Every structure is written in structure tokens, then in C-alpha cells.
């Protein structure tokens, strides 16, 4: 039993990057909600918030597809 390798899909580092990505996504949604113009039509709601959200999704994709260093 000890010679069998545990084959999990994600490592601890993957989960760390996933949490960072979720935090960035949350930050993007908060940024969008801080826009003071009606219906969020200002710079924060239309430009900065969506850019931060896209960055969060890029981090999430990186976290999912990142392979561990010990994998061969």
C-alpha cells in the first residue's frame, strides 16, 4: 500500500492559486459596485472592475491547468 502513489487532481499550490483567483474576482466585483454614477456607468463599473475580473479568471485558469513539479 505504501508504494501506491496518491493521484489527486490538484496539489496544495493549485488550491492556493485558486483562492487567490477567487479573491481577485471578489475584488473586481467590489470595485464595480463602488462606482458612484447611476447604474455603474463610470470608469470603475465599465473599465477597471471588468479588467480585474478578467484577471481573476486568468488566475483561475492558471490554477486549474498548473502541473506540480513532481508530476512526470
Protein backbone atom coordinates (compact mmCIF):
# COMPACT_ATOMS: atom_id res chain seq x y z
CA UNK A 1 0.00 0.00 0.00
CA UNK A 2 2.85 2.41 0.70
CA UNK A 3 4.24 2.07 -2.85
CA UNK A 4 1.00 3.35 -4.38
CA UNK A 5 1.08 7.00 -5.28
CA UNK A 6 -1.81 9.25 -4.31
CA UNK A 7 -3.16 10.70 -7.55
CA UNK A 8 -5.08 13.81 -6.69
CA UNK A 9 -6.09 16.24 -9.40
CA UNK A 10 -4.81 19.30 -7.54
CA UNK A 11 -1.94 19.99 -5.20
CA UNK A 12 -1.74 22.43 -2.30
CA UNK A 13 -0.25 25.04 -4.62
CA UNK A 14 -3.20 24.73 -7.02
CA UNK A 15 -5.63 25.42 -4.20
CA UNK A 16 -3.55 28.41 -3.09
CA UNK A 17 -3.76 29.91 -6.60
CA UNK A 18 -7.50 29.17 -6.74
CA UNK A 19 -8.07 31.10 -3.51
CA UNK A 20 -6.01 34.00 -4.86
CA UNK A 21 -8.12 33.98 -8.04
CA UNK A 22 -11.36 33.97 -6.05
CA UNK A 23 -10.05 36.91 -4.03
CA UNK A 24 -9.23 38.85 -7.21
CA UNK A 25 -12.69 38.08 -8.63
CA UNK A 26 -14.27 39.31 -5.41
CA UNK A 27 -12.14 42.46 -5.55
CA UNK A 28 -13.32 43.09 -9.13
CA UNK A 29 -16.98 42.82 -8.18
CA UNK A 30 -16.44 45.11 -5.20
CA UNK A 31 -14.69 47.62 -7.48
CA UNK A 32 -17.63 47.56 -9.88
CA UNK A 33 -20.07 48.19 -7.03
CA UNK A 34 -18.10 51.22 -5.79
CA UNK A 35 -18.93 53.25 -8.90
CA UNK A 36 -20.92 56.31 -7.85
CA UNK A 37 -22.50 57.05 -11.23
CA UNK A 38 -26.03 55.82 -11.96
CA UNK A 39 -26.20 52.13 -12.94
CA UNK A 40 -22.42 51.76 -12.67
CA UNK A 41 -21.75 53.57 -15.93
CA UNK A 42 -18.50 55.24 -14.82
CA UNK A 43 -14.84 54.25 -15.03
CA UNK A 44 -14.97 51.79 -12.13
CA UNK A 45 -18.07 49.97 -13.36
CA UNK A 46 -17.25 49.80 -17.06
CA UNK A 47 -13.44 49.62 -17.24
CA UNK A 48 -11.49 48.87 -14.08
CA UNK A 49 -13.86 46.33 -12.49
CA UNK A 50 -14.17 44.12 -15.58
CA UNK A 51 -10.40 44.20 -16.14
CA UNK A 52 -9.85 42.97 -12.58
CA UNK A 53 -12.48 40.26 -13.05
CA UNK A 54 -10.82 39.03 -16.26
CA UNK A 55 -7.50 38.92 -14.38
CA UNK A 56 -9.19 36.80 -11.71
CA UNK A 57 -10.45 34.34 -14.33
CA UNK A 58 -6.97 34.14 -15.87
CA UNK A 59 -5.57 33.28 -12.43
CA UNK A 60 -8.27 30.61 -12.02
CA UNK A 61 -7.41 29.02 -15.38
CA UNK A 62 -3.73 29.09 -14.42
CA UNK A 63 -4.55 27.40 -11.10
CA UNK A 64 -6.54 24.65 -12.78
CA UNK A 65 -4.00 23.87 -15.51
CA UNK A 66 -0.83 24.24 -13.41
CA UNK A 67 1.02 20.94 -13.05
CA UNK A 68 3.03 20.07 -9.99
CA UNK A 69 6.80 19.84 -10.22
CA UNK A 70 6.85 16.19 -9.08
CA UNK A 71 4.45 15.07 -11.80
CA UNK A 72 6.01 13.31 -14.79
